Each structure stands twice: as structure tokens, then as C-alpha cells.
Amino acid sequence: MTTDTPTTHGADVPQVVFACIRNGGRSVISRVLTEHYAGGRVRALSAGTQPGENIHAEVADVLEKLGLDTSGEQPKLLTHETIATSTMAITLGCGEECPYVPGVKYVDWPVSDPGGQDEATVRTIIADIDGRVRDLLVGLVPDIELPPSVLERA
């Protein structure tokens, strides 16, 4: 019998879904940062109530400059099933359009939309989300040792 390692997505690994409207900015930033910092101790998904065709180029550009890969990011539709399989749903501007699933903890993060913004504004939004993600991870996995913030590289 094998034991779970910190990088194993076992049944005891919490799953968080980040939801916004287009799934091109805030939810993608949140998902990428969570996966980066969690080291497999939390699984992160992102989705949108009205997903666009691509993630915002300005978001991808700044995340790449911070050393985070966005090449696999593609907007996805937020479904009832996605939320139902999650421990927590974090909403970032999808409001009443997000499906409600009893038993799933919902948290709303009032974060500005980075779509169409200049690099400095996108970096400010990423900094806001970075702090929220780091706090979230400490709450979900109290013994987690977080690596330094990606913002320290900038």
C-alpha cells in the first residue's frame, strides 16, 4: 500500500473552483496561483458562466513575466457538477449566475476585472489575488509551507 505524498490528488485533497463570467482573467489568475503555491495539496479549477474564447492576453503576459505558465489555460463552462465536486467555490464577479450547490462553501472575492487593463493595473489585481490565494491555502491546509510570493520576482 502506498501513502499519499504532498503532490498526490487523493480524496483528502480539497478542491476549489474559481468562477467568474468569461473565465479569462480573475478565475484563471486564482487557479494558476493556487496550483503554483499549493504544491499538490489543493486542487484548483477555474470556469466561467459565459466563457470566452481565450484567456485575456494581458493576464497571460503578466503571469508569464512572473514565471507562471498559462499555455494550458482555456476558458471552460462552469457547471453544477464542477461545483458539486468541489470543497469550495470562490466567485469573482459571476453573482447570481453561479449555480448553487448545497454543502459547498461559497466565498465571494470582490476583485476588479483585469480584462483590457494596462500592465500596471493587471499587476495590482494579481497582487490582490495573490494575497487572497495565500490566505486561502493557509486556511485549507494549516501545515502548508508556502514558497515566496511570485511578486517577489518582479
Protein backbone atom coordinates (compact mmCIF):
# COMPACT_ATOMS: atom_id res chain seq x y z
CA MET A 1 0.00 0.00 0.00
CA THR A 2 1.32 3.44 -0.90
CA THR A 3 0.89 6.56 1.14
CA ASP A 4 -0.23 9.89 -0.20
CA THR A 5 2.54 12.36 -0.90
CA PRO A 6 2.04 16.13 -0.97
CA THR A 7 1.74 16.00 -4.78
CA THR A 8 -0.95 13.29 -4.84
CA HIS A 9 -4.52 14.33 -5.61
CA GLY A 10 -6.15 11.93 -3.17
CA ALA A 11 -9.63 12.04 -1.72
CA ASP A 12 -8.35 14.18 1.17
CA VAL A 13 -7.09 16.93 -1.15
CA PRO A 14 -9.51 19.86 -1.11
CA GLN A 15 -10.73 21.09 -4.48
CA VAL A 16 -11.52 24.74 -5.07
CA VAL A 17 -13.28 26.12 -8.13
CA PHE A 18 -12.74 29.77 -9.03
CA ALA A 19 -15.63 31.19 -11.03
CA CYS A 20 -16.09 34.41 -12.97
CA ILE A 21 -18.03 35.36 -16.07
CA ARG A 22 -15.63 34.87 -19.01
CA ASN A 23 -13.04 32.64 -17.29
CA GLY A 24 -10.35 34.74 -18.91
CA GLY A 25 -8.86 36.76 -16.07
CA ARG A 26 -9.63 36.66 -12.34
CA SER A 27 -10.52 32.97 -12.12
CA VAL A 28 -7.50 31.98 -14.24
CA ILE A 29 -5.14 34.07 -12.09
CA SER A 30 -6.61 32.46 -8.97
CA ARG A 31 -6.32 28.93 -10.34
CA VAL A 32 -2.75 29.35 -11.60
CA LEU A 33 -1.56 30.92 -8.33
CA THR A 34 -3.31 28.26 -6.23
CA GLU A 35 -1.77 25.40 -8.20
CA HIS A 36 1.65 27.09 -8.01
CA TYR A 37 1.62 27.64 -4.25
CA ALA A 38 -0.27 24.50 -3.17
CA GLY A 39 2.26 22.01 -4.48
CA GLY A 40 -0.48 19.41 -4.98
CA ARG A 41 -2.05 19.90 -1.56
CA VAL A 42 -5.09 21.66 -3.07
CA ARG A 43 -6.60 21.10 -6.50
CA ALA A 44 -7.75 24.25 -8.29
CA LEU A 45 -10.19 24.59 -11.17
CA SER A 46 -11.46 27.66 -12.95
CA ALA A 47 -14.57 28.18 -15.03
CA GLY A 48 -16.96 30.85 -16.23
CA THR A 49 -20.70 31.29 -16.53
CA GLN A 50 -20.23 32.69 -20.06
CA PRO A 51 -16.71 31.55 -21.01
CA GLY A 52 -14.88 33.48 -23.70
CA GLU A 53 -12.69 32.03 -26.42
CA ASN A 54 -9.31 32.70 -24.78
CA ILE A 55 -7.83 34.00 -21.58
CA HIS A 56 -7.05 37.70 -21.63
CA ALA A 57 -3.71 38.32 -23.38
CA GLU A 58 -2.74 40.97 -20.82
CA VAL A 59 -3.29 38.45 -17.99
CA ALA A 60 -1.27 35.75 -19.74
CA ASP A 61 1.52 38.25 -20.42
CA VAL A 62 1.89 39.36 -16.80
CA LEU A 63 1.58 35.82 -15.39
CA GLU A 64 4.27 34.63 -17.83
CA LYS A 65 6.53 37.53 -16.72
CA LEU A 66 6.05 36.28 -13.15
CA GLY A 67 7.23 32.81 -14.22
CA LEU A 68 3.80 31.16 -14.36
CA ASP A 69 2.80 29.06 -17.36
CA THR A 70 -0.60 29.85 -18.87
CA SER A 71 -0.20 27.85 -22.09
CA GLY A 72 -2.70 25.20 -20.96
CA GLU A 73 -5.35 27.66 -19.83
CA GLN A 74 -8.57 27.59 -21.84
CA PRO A 75 -11.92 29.06 -20.71
CA LYS A 76 -14.39 26.41 -19.54
CA LEU A 77 -18.10 26.48 -18.73
CA LEU A 78 -18.98 26.48 -15.03
CA THR A 79 -21.32 23.56 -14.39
CA HIS A 80 -23.31 22.31 -11.44
CA GLU A 81 -21.08 19.20 -11.45
CA THR A 82 -17.88 21.27 -11.26
CA ILE A 83 -19.15 22.96 -8.12
CA ALA A 84 -20.64 19.76 -6.65
CA THR A 85 -17.23 18.01 -6.76
CA SER A 86 -15.53 20.94 -5.04
CA THR A 87 -14.96 21.71 -1.38
CA MET A 88 -15.30 25.44 -2.02
CA ALA A 89 -16.49 27.76 -4.77
CA ILE A 90 -14.91 31.18 -4.94
CA THR A 91 -16.86 33.65 -7.04
CA LEU A 92 -15.19 36.62 -8.69
CA GLY A 93 -17.97 38.58 -10.32
CA CYS A 94 -20.39 35.93 -11.58
CA GLY A 95 -23.01 36.75 -8.96
CA GLU A 96 -26.38 35.06 -9.26
CA GLU A 97 -25.35 33.28 -12.45
CA CYS A 98 -23.21 30.83 -10.48
CA PRO A 99 -25.04 27.56 -9.80
CA TYR A 100 -25.78 26.92 -6.13
CA VAL A 101 -24.94 23.51 -4.68
CA PRO A 102 -25.93 22.79 -1.06
CA GLY A 103 -23.00 21.69 1.09
CA VAL A 104 -20.36 23.57 -0.90
CA LYS A 105 -18.84 26.58 0.84
CA TYR A 106 -19.14 29.76 -1.25
CA VAL A 107 -16.88 32.78 -0.83
CA ASP A 108 -17.04 35.94 -2.93
CA TRP A 109 -13.86 37.82 -3.73
CA PRO A 110 -14.71 41.34 -4.95
CA VAL A 111 -11.77 41.74 -7.34
CA SER A 112 -11.53 44.11 -10.31
CA ASP A 113 -11.66 42.67 -13.83
CA PRO A 114 -8.19 42.70 -15.45
CA GLY A 115 -9.60 42.37 -18.98
CA GLY A 116 -8.46 45.24 -21.19
CA GLN A 117 -6.36 46.83 -18.45
CA ASP A 118 -2.76 48.07 -18.70
CA GLU A 119 0.12 46.05 -17.24
CA ALA A 120 0.35 48.06 -14.01
CA THR A 121 -3.36 47.55 -13.31
CA VAL A 122 -3.16 43.82 -14.10
CA ARG A 123 -0.19 43.52 -11.72
CA THR A 124 -2.20 45.27 -8.98
CA ILE A 125 -5.09 42.83 -9.50
CA ILE A 126 -2.69 39.86 -9.45
CA ALA A 127 -1.20 41.20 -6.19
CA ASP A 128 -4.70 41.35 -4.66
CA ILE A 129 -5.49 37.80 -5.74
CA ASP A 130 -2.04 36.58 -4.67
CA GLY A 131 -2.68 37.64 -1.08
CA ARG A 132 -6.14 36.10 -1.09
CA VAL A 133 -4.86 32.79 -2.51
CA ARG A 134 -2.05 32.58 0.03
CA ASP A 135 -4.52 33.21 2.89
CA LEU A 136 -6.93 30.64 1.41
CA LEU A 137 -4.23 27.96 1.27
CA VAL A 138 -3.17 28.53 4.88
CA GLY A 139 -6.83 28.15 5.88
CA LEU A 140 -7.36 24.97 3.84
CA VAL A 141 -4.02 23.32 4.67
CA PRO A 142 -2.82 24.75 8.00
CA ASP A 143 0.57 22.99 7.90
CA ILE A 144 1.41 24.16 4.36
CA GLU A 145 4.75 25.85 3.82
CA LEU A 146 4.20 28.39 1.08
CA PRO A 147 7.02 29.30 -1.27
CA PRO A 148 7.85 33.01 -1.59
CA SER A 149 5.31 35.09 -3.47
CA VAL A 150 5.77 35.25 -7.24
CA LEU A 151 5.54 39.00 -6.84
CA GLU A 152 8.93 39.00 -5.16
CA ARG A 153 10.42 38.01 -8.54
CA ALA A 154 9.05 41.08 -10.25
